[in-house]
Structure formats: C-alpha cells, structure tokens
PDB file of N, CA and C in Angstrom:
ATOM      1  N   MET A   1     110.766 121.894  74.510  1.00  0.00           N
ATOM      2  CA  MET A   1     110.276 122.707  75.604  1.00  0.00           C
ATOM      3  C   MET A   1     111.440 123.460  76.234  1.00  0.00           C
ATOM      4  N   SER A   2     111.156 124.330  77.140  1.00  0.00           N
ATOM      5  CA  SER A   2     112.163 125.195  77.719  1.00  0.00           C
ATOM      6  C   SER A   2     112.692 124.670  79.051  1.00  0.00           C
ATOM      7  N   LYS A   3     114.001 124.798  79.222  1.00  0.00           N
ATOM      8  CA  LYS A   3     114.607 124.447  80.501  1.00  0.00           C
ATOM      9  C   LYS A   3     114.410 125.571  81.506  1.00  0.00           C
ATOM     10  N   GLN A   4     113.837 126.700  81.100  1.00  0.00           N
ATOM     11  CA  GLN A   4     113.608 127.837  81.981  1.00  0.00           C
ATOM     12  C   GLN A   4     112.477 127.564  82.972  1.00  0.00           C
ATOM     13  N   VAL A   5     111.636 126.611  82.673  1.00  0.00           N
ATOM     14  CA  VAL A   5     110.505 126.291  83.542  1.00  0.00           C
ATOM     15  C   VAL A   5     111.017 125.543  84.764  1.00  0.00           C
ATOM     16  N   GLN A   6     110.599 125.993  85.936  1.00  0.00           N
ATOM     17  CA  GLN A   6     110.971 125.288  87.165  1.00  0.00           C
ATOM     18  C   GLN A   6     109.865 124.297  87.494  1.00  0.00           C
ATOM     19  N   ILE A   7     110.226 123.041  87.557  1.00  0.00           N
ATOM     20  CA  ILE A   7     109.260 121.995  87.865  1.00  0.00           C
ATOM     21  C   ILE A   7     109.198 121.861  89.377  1.00  0.00           C
ATOM     22  N   LYS A   8     107.980 121.946  89.902  1.00  0.00           N
ATOM     23  CA  LYS A   8     107.778 121.919  91.350  1.00  0.00           C
ATOM     24  C   LYS A   8     107.213 120.556  91.759  1.00  0.00           C
ATOM     25  N   TRP A   9     107.600 120.138  92.959  1.00  0.00           N
ATOM     26  CA  TRP A   9     107.218 118.815  93.450  1.00  0.00           C
ATOM     27  C   TRP A   9     106.639 118.882  94.849  1.00  0.00           C
ATOM     28  N   LEU A  10     105.687 118.005  95.112  1.00  0.00           N
ATOM     29  CA  LEU A  10     105.198 117.809  96.471  1.00  0.00           C
ATOM     30  C   LEU A  10     106.293 117.100  97.268  1.00  0.00           C
ATOM     31  N   ALA A  11     106.288 117.245  98.572  1.00  0.00           N
ATOM     32  CA  ALA A  11     107.287 116.590  99.427  1.00  0.00           C
ATOM     33  C   ALA A  11     107.076 115.080  99.472  1.00  0.00           C
ATOM     34  N   GLU A  12     105.831 114.640  99.349  1.00  0.00           N
ATOM     35  CA  GLU A  12     105.471 113.221  99.413  1.00  0.00           C
ATOM     36  C   GLU A  12     104.436 112.918  98.323  1.00  0.00           C
ATOM     37  N   PRO A  13     104.360 111.665  97.891  1.00  0.00           N
ATOM     38  CA  PRO A  13     103.314 111.293  96.929  1.00  0.00           C
ATOM     39  C   PRO A  13     101.923 111.549  97.522  1.00  0.00           C
ATOM     40  N   GLU A  14     100.982 111.835  96.645  1.00  0.00           N
ATOM     41  CA  GLU A  14      99.599 112.017  97.085  1.00  0.00           C
ATOM     42  C   GLU A  14      99.030 110.653  97.484  1.00  0.00           C
ATOM     43  N   GLU A  15      98.102 110.658  98.404  1.00  0.00           N
ATOM     44  CA  GLU A  15      97.567 109.399  98.932  1.00  0.00           C
ATOM     45  C   GLU A  15      96.956 108.523  97.841  1.00  0.00           C
ATOM     46  N   HIS A  16      96.324 109.136  96.833  1.00  0.00           N
ATOM     47  CA  HIS A  16      95.692 108.343  95.763  1.00  0.00           C
ATOM     48  C   HIS A  16      96.708 107.664  94.841  1.00  0.00           C
ATOM     49  N   ASN A  17      97.987 108.041  94.952  1.00  0.00           N
ATOM     50  CA  ASN A  17      99.011 107.400  94.119  1.00  0.00           C
ATOM     51  C   ASN A  17      99.258 105.950  94.534  1.00  0.00           C
ATOM     52  N   TYR A  18      99.060 105.645  95.803  1.00  0.00           N
ATOM     53  CA  TYR A  18      99.321 104.289  96.275  1.00  0.00           C
ATOM     54  C   TYR A  18      98.311 103.272  95.748  1.00  0.00           C
ATOM     55  N   PRO A  19      96.992 103.557  95.774  1.00  0.00           N
ATOM     56  CA  PRO A  19      96.054 102.621  95.149  1.00  0.00           C
ATOM     57  C   PRO A  19      96.286 102.482  93.641  1.00  0.00           C
ATOM     58  N   ALA A  20      96.702 103.571  92.991  1.00  0.00           N
ATOM     59  CA  ALA A  20      97.002 103.498  91.555  1.00  0.00           C
ATOM     60  C   ALA A  20      98.202 102.573  91.326  1.00  0.00           C
ATOM     61  N   ALA A  21      99.220 102.697  92.167  1.00  0.00           N
ATOM     62  CA  ALA A  21     100.384 101.820  92.068  1.00  0.00           C
ATOM     63  C   ALA A  21      99.984 100.373  92.329  1.00  0.00           C
ATOM     64  N   GLU A  22      99.151 100.172  93.319  1.00  0.00           N
ATOM     65  CA  GLU A  22      98.697  98.817  93.647  1.00  0.00           C
ATOM     66  C   GLU A  22      97.948  98.186  92.477  1.00  0.00           C
ATOM     67  N   SER A  23      97.088  98.951  91.839  1.00  0.00           N
ATOM     68  CA  SER A  23      96.320  98.449  90.703  1.00  0.00           C
ATOM     69  C   SER A  23      97.257  97.979  89.585  1.00  0.00           C
ATOM     70  N   TYR A  24      98.284  98.764  89.303  1.00  0.00           N
ATOM     71  CA  TYR A  24      99.242  98.392  88.260  1.00  0.00           C
ATOM     72  C   TYR A  24     100.086  97.193  88.681  1.00  0.00           C
ATOM     73  N   LEU A  25     100.585  97.231  89.905  1.00  0.00           N
ATOM     74  CA  LEU A  25     101.451  96.153  90.372  1.00  0.00           C
ATOM     75  C   LEU A  25     100.734  94.806  90.433  1.00  0.00           C
ATOM     76  N   LYS A  26      99.412  94.816  90.641  1.00  0.00           N
ATOM     77  CA  LYS A  26      98.641  93.572  90.648  1.00  0.00           C
ATOM     78  C   LYS A  26      98.706  92.854  89.300  1.00  0.00           C
ATOM     79  N   LEU A  27      98.991  93.582  88.251  1.00  0.00           N
ATOM     80  CA  LEU A  27      99.142  92.968  86.931  1.00  0.00           C
ATOM     81  C   LEU A  27     100.462  92.221  86.801  1.00  0.00           C
ATOM     82  N   LEU A  28     101.430  92.587  87.621  1.00  0.00           N
ATOM     83  CA  LEU A  28     102.776  92.023  87.524  1.00  0.00           C
ATOM     84  C   LEU A  28     103.101  91.018  88.628  1.00  0.00           C
ATOM     85  N   TYR A  29     102.509  91.223  89.790  1.00  0.00           N
ATOM     86  CA  TYR A  29     102.850  90.418  90.961  1.00  0.00           C
ATOM     87  C   TYR A  29     101.587  89.834  91.602  1.00  0.00           C
ATOM     88  N   ASP A  30     101.783  88.808  92.420  1.00  0.00           N
ATOM     89  CA  ASP A  30     100.639  88.242  93.136  1.00  0.00           C
ATOM     90  C   ASP A  30     100.177  89.222  94.222  1.00  0.00           C
ATOM     91  N   LYS A  31      99.028  88.929  94.783  1.00  0.00           N
ATOM     92  CA  LYS A  31      98.377  89.831  95.733  1.00  0.00           C
ATOM     93  C   LYS A  31      99.266  90.111  96.954  1.00  0.00           C
ATOM     94  N   LYS A  32      99.897  89.078  97.491  1.00  0.00           N
ATOM     95  CA  LYS A  32     100.736  89.216  98.683  1.00  0.00           C
ATOM     96  C   LYS A  32     101.971  90.078  98.390  1.00  0.00           C
ATOM     97  N   THR A  33     102.618  89.830  97.272  1.00  0.00           N
ATOM     98  CA  THR A  33     103.799  90.610  96.886  1.00  0.00           C
ATOM     99  C   THR A  33     103.416  92.060  96.645  1.00  0.00           C
ATOM    100  N   THR A  34     102.298  92.275  95.962  1.00  0.00           N
ATOM    101  CA  THR A  34     101.824  93.634  95.695  1.00  0.00           C
ATOM    102  C   THR A  34     101.578  94.391  96.991  1.00  0.00           C
ATOM    103  N   ALA A  35     100.885  93.761  97.929  1.00  0.00           N
ATOM    104  CA  ALA A  35     100.591  94.406  99.214  1.00  0.00           C
ATOM    105  C   ALA A  35     101.891  94.771  99.941  1.00  0.00           C
ATOM    106  N   ARG A  36     102.861  93.873  99.915  1.00  0.00           N
ATOM    107  CA  ARG A  36     104.147  94.128 100.565  1.00  0.00           C
ATOM    108  C   ARG A  36     104.872  95.304  99.909  1.00  0.00           C
ATOM    109  N   LEU A  37     104.881  95.334  98.579  1.00  0.00           N
ATOM    110  CA  LEU A  37     105.553  96.415  97.859  1.00  0.00           C
ATOM    111  C   LEU A  37     104.921  97.775  98.145  1.00  0.00           C
ATOM    112  N   VAL A  38     103.604  97.821  98.162  1.00  0.00           N
ATOM    113  CA  VAL A  38     102.905  99.091  98.428  1.00  0.00           C
ATOM    114  C   VAL A  38     103.208  99.566  99.844  1.00  0.00           C
ATOM    115  N   GLU A  39     103.208  98.670 100.806  1.00  0.00           N
ATOM    116  CA  GLU A  39     103.543  99.046 102.185  1.00  0.00           C
ATOM    117  C   GLU A  39     104.979  99.542 102.277  1.00  0.00           C
ATOM    118  N   GLN A  40     105.875  98.892 101.562  1.00  0.00           N
ATOM    119  CA  GLN A  40     107.274  99.342 101.552  1.00  0.00           C
ATOM    120  C   GLN A  40     107.394 100.728 100.922  1.00  0.00           C
ATOM    121  N   LEU A  41     106.647 100.964  99.845  1.00  0.00           N
ATOM    122  CA  LEU A  41     106.672 102.279  99.205  1.00  0.00           C
ATOM    123  C   LEU A  41     106.187 103.357 100.171  1.00  0.00           C
ATOM    124  N   LYS A  42     105.129 103.057 100.900  1.00  0.00           N
ATOM    125  CA  LYS A  42     104.596 104.033 101.863  1.00  0.00           C
ATOM    126  C   LYS A  42     105.630 104.375 102.926  1.00  0.00           C
ATOM    127  N   GLY A  43     106.447 103.402 103.315  1.00  0.00           N
ATOM    128  CA  GLY A  43     107.384 103.602 104.408  1.00  0.00           C
ATOM    129  C   GLY A  43     108.760 104.109 104.029  1.00  0.00           C
ATOM    130  N   THR A  44     109.070 104.138 102.739  1.00  0.00           N
ATOM    131  CA  THR A  44     110.418 104.548 102.331  1.00  0.00           C
ATOM    132  C   THR A  44     110.492 106.056 102.127  1.00  0.00           C
ATOM    133  N   LYS A  45     111.703 106.578 102.205  1.00  0.00           N
ATOM    134  CA  LYS A  45     111.919 108.019 102.029  1.00  0.00           C
ATOM    135  C   LYS A  45     112.011 108.377 100.543  1.00  0.00           C
ATOM    136  N   VAL A  46     111.708 109.618 100.268  1.00  0.00           N
ATOM    137  CA  VAL A  46     111.809 110.136  98.903  1.00  0.00           C
ATOM    138  C   VAL A  46     113.284 110.364  98.562  1.00  0.00           C
ATOM    139  N   THR A  47     113.657 109.955  97.371  1.00  0.00           N
ATOM    140  CA  THR A  47     114.998 110.180  96.822  1.00  0.00           C
ATOM    141  C   THR A  47     114.809 110.781  95.431  1.00  0.00           C
ATOM    142  N   SER A  48     115.865 111.006  94.691  1.00  0.00           N
ATOM    143  CA  SER A  48     115.736 111.600  93.347  1.00  0.00           C
ATOM    144  C   SER A  48     116.666 110.919  92.353  1.00  0.00           C
ATOM    145  N   PHE A  49     116.183 110.843  91.107  1.00  0.00           N
ATOM    146  CA  PHE A  49     116.965 110.345  89.987  1.00  0.00           C
ATOM    147  C   PHE A  49     116.678 111.223  88.781  1.00  0.00           C
ATOM    148  N   LYS A  50     117.608 111.275  87.839  1.00  0.00           N
ATOM    149  CA  LYS A  50     117.385 112.028  86.604  1.00  0.00           C
ATOM    150  C   LYS A  50     116.309 111.340  85.769  1.00  0.00           C
ATOM    151  N   ALA A  51     115.508 112.155  85.082  1.00  0.00           N
ATOM    152  CA  ALA A  51     114.438 111.632  84.231  1.00  0.00           C
ATOM    153  C   ALA A  51     114.985 110.632  83.219  1.00  0.00           C
ATOM    154  N   LYS A  52     116.081 110.967  82.573  1.00  0.00           N
ATOM    155  CA  LYS A  52     116.633 110.086  81.542  1.00  0.00           C
ATOM    156  C   LYS A  52     117.079 108.752  82.122  1.00  0.00           C
ATOM    157  N   ASP A  53     117.561 108.747  83.357  1.00  0.00           N
ATOM    158  CA  ASP A  53     118.000 107.504  83.975  1.00  0.00           C
ATOM    159  C   ASP A  53     116.826 106.610  84.356  1.00  0.00           C
ATOM    160  N   ILE A  54     115.742 107.219  84.791  1.00  0.00           N
ATOM    161  CA  ILE A  54     114.543 106.433  85.103  1.00  0.00           C
ATOM    162  C   ILE A  54     114.023 105.770  83.831  1.00  0.00           C
ATOM    163  N   PHE A  55     113.996 106.531  82.740  1.00  0.00           N
ATOM    164  CA  PHE A  55     113.556 105.942  81.463  1.00  0.00           C
ATOM    165  C   PHE A  55     114.442 104.788  81.046  1.00  0.00           C
ATOM    166  N   ARG A  56     115.741 104.990  81.119  1.00  0.00           N
ATOM    167  CA  ARG A  56     116.665 103.924  80.720  1.00  0.00           C
ATOM    168  C   ARG A  56     116.466 102.690  81.585  1.00  0.00           C
ATOM    169  N   ALA A  57     116.316 102.870  82.884  1.00  0.00           N
ATOM    170  CA  ALA A  57     116.166 101.740  83.801  1.00  0.00           C
ATOM    171  C   ALA A  57     114.827 101.031  83.638  1.00  0.00           C
ATOM    172  N   SER A  58     113.809 101.759  83.200  1.00  0.00           N
ATOM    173  CA  SER A  58     112.482 101.156  83.030  1.00  0.00           C
ATOM    174  C   SER A  58     112.323 100.447  81.691  1.00  0.00           C
ATOM    175  N   ALA A  59     113.126 100.818  80.708  1.00  0.00           N
ATOM    176  CA  ALA A  59     113.042 100.279  79.350  1.00  0.00           C
ATOM    177  C   ALA A  59     111.711 100.601  78.672  1.00  0.00           C
ATOM    178  N   LEU A  60     111.039 101.651  79.139  1.00  0.00           N
ATOM    179  CA  LEU A  60     109.776 102.084  78.536  1.00  0.00           C
ATOM    180  C   LEU A  60     110.030 103.145  77.471  1.00  0.00           C
ATOM    181  N   SER A  61     109.049 103.334  76.615  1.00  0.00           N
ATOM    182  CA  SER A  61     109.111 104.373  75.590  1.00  0.00           C
ATOM    183  C   SER A  61     108.512 105.660  76.129  1.00  0.00           C
ATOM    184  N   LEU A  62     108.975 106.751  75.596  1.00  0.00           N
ATOM    185  CA  LEU A  62     108.444 108.060  75.947  1.00  0.00           C
ATOM    186  C   LEU A  62     107.102 108.269  75.262  1.00  0.00           C
ATOM    187  N   LEU A  63     106.088 108.629  76.047  1.00  0.00           N
ATOM    188  CA  LEU A  63     104.789 108.973  75.458  1.00  0.00           C
ATOM    189  C   LEU A  63     104.868 110.377  74.895  1.00  0.00           C
ATOM    190  N   GLY A  64     104.193 110.611  73.792  1.00  0.00           N
ATOM    191  CA  GLY A  64     104.191 111.922  73.171  1.00  0.00           C
ATOM    192  C   GLY A  64     103.372 112.926  73.951  1.00  0.00           C
ATOM    193  N   VAL A  65     103.635 114.195  73.692  1.00  0.00           N
ATOM    194  CA  VAL A  65     102.914 115.257  74.384  1.00  0.00           C
ATOM    195  C   VAL A  65     101.448 115.313  73.973  1.00  0.00           C
ATOM    196  N   SER A  66     101.054 114.549  72.956  1.00  0.00           N
ATOM    197  CA  SER A  66      99.654 114.519  72.551  1.00  0.00           C
ATOM    198  C   SER A  66      98.838 113.569  73.436  1.00  0.00           C
ATOM    199  N   ASN A  67      99.497 112.789  74.295  1.00  0.00           N
ATOM    200  CA  ASN A  67      98.782 111.924  75.223  1.00  0.00           C
ATOM    201  C   ASN A  67      98.033 112.797  76.230  1.00  0.00           C
ATOM    202  N   PHE A  68      96.756 112.489  76.463  1.00  0.00           N
ATOM    203  CA  PHE A  68      95.902 113.300  77.333  1.00  0.00           C
ATOM    204  C   PHE A  68      96.508 113.499  78.721  1.00  0.00           C
ATOM    205  N   HIS A  69      96.981 112.430  79.338  1.00  0.00           N
ATOM    206  CA  HIS A  69      97.511 112.523  80.703  1.00  0.00           C
ATOM    207  C   HIS A  69      98.835 113.283  80.748  1.00  0.00           C
ATOM    208  N   VAL A  70      99.653 113.116  79.722  1.00  0.00           N
ATOM    209  CA  VAL A  70     100.902 113.880  79.641  1.00  0.00           C
ATOM    210  C   VAL A  70     100.573 115.359  79.476  1.00  0.00           C
ATOM    211  N   GLU A  71      99.592 115.671  78.642  1.00  0.00           N
ATOM    212  CA  GLU A  71      99.171 117.060  78.452  1.00  0.00           C
ATOM    213  C   GLU A  71      98.715 117.684  79.766  1.00  0.00           C
ATOM    214  N   LYS A  72      97.949 116.926  80.559  1.00  0.00           N
ATOM    215  CA  LYS A  72      97.486 117.428  81.865  1.00  0.00           C
ATOM    216  C   LYS A  72      98.666 117.752  82.767  1.00  0.00           C
ATOM    217  N   ASP A  73      99.675 116.883  82.772  1.00  0.00           N
ATOM    218  CA  ASP A  73     100.837 117.127  83.625  1.00  0.00           C
ATOM    219  C   ASP A  73     101.689 118.269  83.088  1.00  0.00           C
ATOM    220  N   LEU A  74     101.771 118.414  81.773  1.00  0.00           N
ATOM    221  CA  LEU A  74     102.477 119.552  81.194  1.00  0.00           C
ATOM    222  C   LEU A  74     101.815 120.870  81.609  1.00  0.00           C
ATOM    223  N   LYS A  75     100.501 120.881  81.621  1.00  0.00           N
ATOM    224  CA  LYS A  75      99.764 122.078  82.043  1.00  0.00           C
ATOM    225  C   LYS A  75     100.047 122.394  83.510  1.00  0.00           C
ATOM    226  N   LYS A  76     100.097 121.361  84.341  1.00  0.00           N
ATOM    227  CA  LYS A  76     100.431 121.582  85.753  1.00  0.00           C
ATOM    228  C   LYS A  76     101.813 122.223  85.878  1.00  0.00           C
ATOM    229  N   ILE A  77     102.762 121.718  85.112  1.00  0.00           N
ATOM    230  CA  ILE A  77     104.120 122.258  85.155  1.00  0.00           C
ATOM    231  C   ILE A  77     104.116 123.723  84.734  1.00  0.00           C
ATOM    232  N   ARG A  78     103.471 124.022  83.611  1.00  0.00           N
ATOM    233  CA  ARG A  78     103.415 125.402  83.105  1.00  0.00           C
ATOM    234  C   ARG A  78     102.714 126.338  84.083  1.00  0.00           C
ATOM    235  N   ASP A  79     101.688 125.815  84.792  1.00  0.00           N
ATOM    236  CA  ASP A  79     100.926 126.620  85.751  1.00  0.00           C
ATOM    237  C   ASP A  79     101.633 126.752  87.100  1.00  0.00           C
ATOM    238  N   GLY A  80     102.769 126.071  87.251  1.00  0.00           N
ATOM    239  CA  GLY A  80     103.511 126.153  88.498  1.00  0.00           C
ATOM    240  C   GLY A  80     102.941 125.303  89.620  1.00  0.00           C
ATOM    241  N   ARG A  81     102.083 124.350  89.265  1.00  0.00           N
ATOM    242  CA  ARG A  81     101.522 123.460  90.285  1.00  0.00           C
ATOM    243  C   ARG A  81     102.492 122.312  90.558  1.00  0.00           C
ATOM    244  N   LYS A  82     102.445 121.816  91.757  1.00  0.00           N
ATOM    245  CA  LYS A  82     103.367 120.763  92.165  1.00  0.00           C
ATOM    246  C   LYS A  82     102.906 119.392  91.687  1.00  0.00           C
ATOM    247  N   LEU A  83     103.885 118.600  91.259  1.00  0.00           N
ATOM    248  CA  LEU A  83     103.634 117.218  90.848  1.00  0.00           C
ATOM    249  C   LEU A  83     103.945 116.283  92.001  1.00  0.00           C
ATOM    250  N   SER A  84     103.336 115.119  91.955  1.00  0.00           N
ATOM    251  CA  SER A  84     103.561 114.094  92.962  1.00  0.00           C
ATOM    252  C   SER A  84     104.785 113.265  92.588  1.00  0.00           C
ATOM    253  N   PRO A  85     105.640 112.937  93.562  1.00  0.00           N
ATOM    254  CA  PRO A  85     106.794 112.071  93.278  1.00  0.00           C
ATOM    255  C   PRO A  85     106.359 110.725  92.694  1.00  0.00           C
ATOM    256  N   LEU A  86     107.250 110.103  91.953  1.00  0.00           N
ATOM    257  CA  LEU A  86     106.988 108.797  91.333  1.00  0.00           C
ATOM    258  C   LEU A  86     107.117 107.674  92.359  1.00  0.00           C
ATOM    259  N   LEU A  87     106.459 106.563  92.070  1.00  0.00           N
ATOM    260  CA  LEU A  87     106.579 105.346  92.872  1.00  0.00           C
ATOM    261  C   LEU A  87     107.208 104.280  91.987  1.00  0.00           C
ATOM    262  N   LEU A  88     108.380 103.797  92.393  1.00  0.00           N
ATOM    263  CA  LEU A  88     109.162 102.870  91.582  1.00  0.00           C
ATOM    264  C   LEU A  88     109.464 101.583  92.341  1.00  0.00           C
ATOM    265  N   VAL A  89     109.553 100.486  91.589  1.00  0.00           N
ATOM    266  CA  VAL A  89     109.892  99.182  92.162  1.00  0.00           C
ATOM    267  C   VAL A  89     111.053  98.601  91.359  1.00  0.00           C
ATOM    268  N   ARG A  90     112.079  98.172  92.059  1.00  0.00           N
ATOM    269  CA  ARG A  90     113.202  97.504  91.389  1.00  0.00           C
ATOM    270  C   ARG A  90     112.814  96.061  91.074  1.00  0.00           C
ATOM    271  N   ASP A  91     112.851  95.707  89.821  1.00  0.00           N
ATOM    272  CA  ASP A  91     112.597  94.331  89.392  1.00  0.00           C
ATOM    273  C   ASP A  91     113.965  93.715  89.107  1.00  0.00           C
ATOM    274  N   GLU A  92     114.573  93.180  90.144  1.00  0.00           N
ATOM    275  CA  GLU A  92     115.937  92.663  90.021  1.00  0.00           C
ATOM    276  C   GLU A  92     116.016  91.463  89.084  1.00  0.00           C
ATOM    277  N   LYS A  93     114.954  90.672  89.062  1.00  0.00           N
ATOM    278  CA  LYS A  93     114.937  89.488  88.194  1.00  0.00           C
ATOM    279  C   LYS A  93     115.118  89.869  86.725  1.00  0.00           C
ATOM    280  N   HIS A  94     114.512  90.998  86.321  1.00  0.00           N
ATOM    281  CA  HIS A  94     114.584  91.442  84.928  1.00  0.00           C
ATOM    282  C   HIS A  94     115.519  92.640  84.740  1.00  0.00           C
ATOM    283  N   ALA A  95     116.214  93.022  85.813  1.00  0.00           N
ATOM    284  CA  ALA A  95     117.169  94.136  85.782  1.00  0.00           C
ATOM    285  C   ALA A  95     116.568  95.415  85.194  1.00  0.00           C
ATOM    286  N   LYS A  96     115.414  95.792  85.752  1.00  0.00           N
ATOM    287  CA  LYS A  96     114.808  97.057  85.340  1.00  0.00           C
ATOM    288  C   LYS A  96     113.977  97.637  86.475  1.00  0.00           C
ATOM    289  N   VAL A  97     113.508  98.831  86.257  1.00  0.00           N
ATOM    290  CA  VAL A  97     112.672  99.523  87.236  1.00  0.00           C
ATOM    291  C   VAL A  97     111.240  99.556  86.721  1.00  0.00           C
ATOM    292  N   VAL A  98     110.309  99.188  87.581  1.00  0.00           N
ATOM    293  CA  VAL A  98     108.884  99.257  87.258  1.00  0.00           C
ATOM    294  C   VAL A  98     108.360 100.604  87.754  1.00  0.00           C
ATOM    295  N   ILE A  99     107.737 101.349  86.867  1.00  0.00           N
ATOM    296  CA  ILE A  99     107.113 102.612  87.268  1.00  0.00           C
ATOM    297  C   ILE A  99     105.700 102.263  87.734  1.00  0.00           C
ATOM    298  N   ALA A 100     105.562 102.106  89.048  1.00  0.00           N
ATOM    299  CA  ALA A 100     104.276 101.706  89.619  1.00  0.00           C
ATOM    300  C   ALA A 100     103.262 102.837  89.523  1.00  0.00           C
ATOM    301  N   ASP A 101     103.730 104.072  89.654  1.00  0.00           N
ATOM    302  CA  ASP A 101     102.854 105.231  89.486  1.00  0.00           C
ATOM    303  C   ASP A 101     103.719 106.416  89.070  1.00  0.00           C
ATOM    304  N   GLY A 102     103.260 107.150  88.064  1.00  0.00           N
ATOM    305  CA  GLY A 102     103.935 108.370  87.659  1.00  0.00           C
ATOM    306  C   GLY A 102     104.501 108.372  86.247  1.00  0.00           C
ATOM    307  N   TYR A 103     104.150 107.389  85.451  1.00  0.00           N
ATOM    308  CA  TYR A 103     104.670 107.296  84.078  1.00  0.00           C
ATOM    309  C   TYR A 103     104.365 108.553  83.271  1.00  0.00           C
ATOM    310  N   HIS A 104     103.144 109.056  83.370  1.00  0.00           N
ATOM    311  CA  HIS A 104     102.767 110.248  82.603  1.00  0.00           C
ATOM    312  C   HIS A 104     103.504 111.485  83.118  1.00  0.00           C
ATOM    313  N   ARG A 105     103.693 111.575  84.439  1.00  0.00           N
ATOM    314  CA  ARG A 105     104.460 112.690  84.995  1.00  0.00           C
ATOM    315  C   ARG A 105     105.901 112.634  84.504  1.00  0.00           C
ATOM    316  N   LEU A 106     106.473 111.433  84.481  1.00  0.00           N
ATOM    317  CA  LEU A 106     107.836 111.262  83.983  1.00  0.00           C
ATOM    318  C   LEU A 106     107.947 111.738  82.537  1.00  0.00           C
ATOM    319  N   CYS A 107     107.006 111.348  81.694  1.00  0.00           N
ATOM    320  CA  CYS A 107     107.023 111.759  80.281  1.00  0.00           C
ATOM    321  C   CYS A 107     106.917 113.277  80.147  1.00  0.00           C
ATOM    322  N   ALA A 108     106.059 113.887  80.956  1.00  0.00           N
ATOM    323  CA  ALA A 108     105.899 115.340  80.905  1.00  0.00           C
ATOM    324  C   ALA A 108     107.189 116.044  81.317  1.00  0.00           C
ATOM    325  N   VAL A 109     107.782 115.606  82.400  1.00  0.00           N
ATOM    326  CA  VAL A 109     109.023 116.225  82.887  1.00  0.00           C
ATOM    327  C   VAL A 109     110.142 116.045  81.868  1.00  0.00           C
ATOM    328  N   TYR A 110     110.265 114.857  81.329  1.00  0.00           N
ATOM    329  CA  TYR A 110     111.313 114.568  80.343  1.00  0.00           C
ATOM    330  C   TYR A 110     111.208 115.513  79.149  1.00  0.00           C
ATOM    331  N   SER A 111     109.991 115.855  78.753  1.00  0.00           N
ATOM    332  CA  SER A 111     109.818 116.736  77.596  1.00  0.00           C
ATOM    333  C   SER A 111     110.331 118.155  77.874  1.00  0.00           C
ATOM    334  N   PHE A 112     110.423 118.534  79.147  1.00  0.00           N
ATOM    335  CA  PHE A 112     110.992 119.828  79.513  1.00  0.00           C
ATOM    336  C   PHE A 112     112.507 119.744  79.638  1.00  0.00           C
ATOM    337  N   ASP A 113     112.980 118.681  80.318  1.00  0.00           N
ATOM    338  CA  ASP A 113     114.413 118.576  80.582  1.00  0.00           C
ATOM    339  C   ASP A 113     114.737 117.148  80.997  1.00  0.00           C
ATOM    340  N   GLU A 114     115.419 116.422  80.119  1.00  0.00           N
ATOM    341  CA  GLU A 114     115.739 115.020  80.400  1.00  0.00           C
ATOM    342  C   GLU A 114     116.700 114.864  81.579  1.00  0.00           C
ATOM    343  N   ASP A 115     117.410 115.933  81.937  1.00  0.00           N
ATOM    344  CA  ASP A 115     118.328 115.894  83.069  1.00  0.00           C
ATOM    345  C   ASP A 115     117.675 116.316  84.386  1.00  0.00           C
ATOM    346  N   SER A 116     116.394 116.647  84.322  1.00  0.00           N
ATOM    347  CA  SER A 116     115.685 117.073  85.522  1.00  0.00           C
ATOM    348  C   SER A 116     115.688 115.958  86.578  1.00  0.00           C
ATOM    349  N   MET A 117     115.931 116.355  87.821  1.00  0.00           N
ATOM    350  CA  MET A 117     115.896 115.408  88.929  1.00  0.00           C
ATOM    351  C   MET A 117     114.442 115.219  89.348  1.00  0.00           C
ATOM    352  N   ILE A 118     114.035 113.958  89.444  1.00  0.00           N
ATOM    353  CA  ILE A 118     112.655 113.633  89.764  1.00  0.00           C
ATOM    354  C   ILE A 118     112.600 112.958  91.135  1.00  0.00           C
ATOM    355  N   PRO A 119     111.859 113.535  92.064  1.00  0.00           N
ATOM    356  CA  PRO A 119     111.682 112.883  93.365  1.00  0.00           C
ATOM    357  C   PRO A 119     110.871 111.594  93.192  1.00  0.00           C
ATOM    358  N   CYS A 120     111.257 110.581  93.918  1.00  0.00           N
ATOM    359  CA  CYS A 120     110.531 109.317  93.837  1.00  0.00           C
ATOM    360  C   CYS A 120     110.794 108.483  95.077  1.00  0.00           C
ATOM    361  N   LYS A 121     109.921 107.538  95.277  1.00  0.00           N
ATOM    362  CA  LYS A 121     110.135 106.498  96.277  1.00  0.00           C
ATOM    363  C   LYS A 121     110.440 105.237  95.500  1.00  0.00           C
ATOM    364  N   ILE A 122     111.465 104.497  95.960  1.00  0.00           N
ATOM    365  CA  ILE A 122     111.857 103.284  95.246  1.00  0.00           C
ATOM    366  C   ILE A 122     112.137 102.171  96.252  1.00  0.00           C
ATOM    367  N   VAL A 123     111.601 101.012  95.938  1.00  0.00           N
ATOM    368  CA  VAL A 123     111.856  99.823  96.762  1.00  0.00           C
ATOM    369  C   VAL A 123     112.337  98.702  95.856  1.00  0.00           C
TER     370      VAL A 123
END
C-alpha cells in the first residue's frame, strides 16, 4: 500500500469500543478485573505508538487484507474517514500487550505503513 495516504484518527475512542473491549477482556480476566480495566481505559489519556511496536508487544499475527473487518477499515482509510484509537492493556505477567479493541484497525494501518503512529489508550 502507499505511504501517501494520510490516516486520520478520532480524538477519543468511540463509545461502542469500550463494550467491545470488555467482551474480549472477559475471556482473559475475571469480571472484577475486567470492569476495573475498562474503567481505567475510559479515564486514561490517549497516547501513540508505532504500528510495528504494538504488533511486536502483542505477539499477534498480522491479519491479511482479505479479512472482512480489515477490508472495512482499509476502505475507511482510503475514504479519509477517521478511525477510533486502540484500547490496550499491559499484561505484565506475560510481558505483552493485549489489544482489547482495535486489532482489525491495527492490521489495516500496518498494511499502509508499519511506522505509522497509532493513537491508543493503554493501562
């Protein structure tokens, strides 16, 4: 893909991103821990990390552009629509980052430019 495309971001995650993060985090953590993490995510400020660094820290694989959700986010990027910042959780016990919400957005952005700075909230 081209580095000429400017990827646009919302200033804050969309409200529906938090329930999506909660749903995923419930698979990894107990109910009380999940609730605490989501509240912390809501209250923390947005920061930025390079796409390639988020991937390395998460230890996840890159989804291909043929994935339906990645394709949707690629279209948003091409159309100049703003993406929602990622929601991340530091899993210190396993020395990695959990992508609570935004995995498909991360894959889409990475396909344009692995050095792209991605806004996110991280706790």
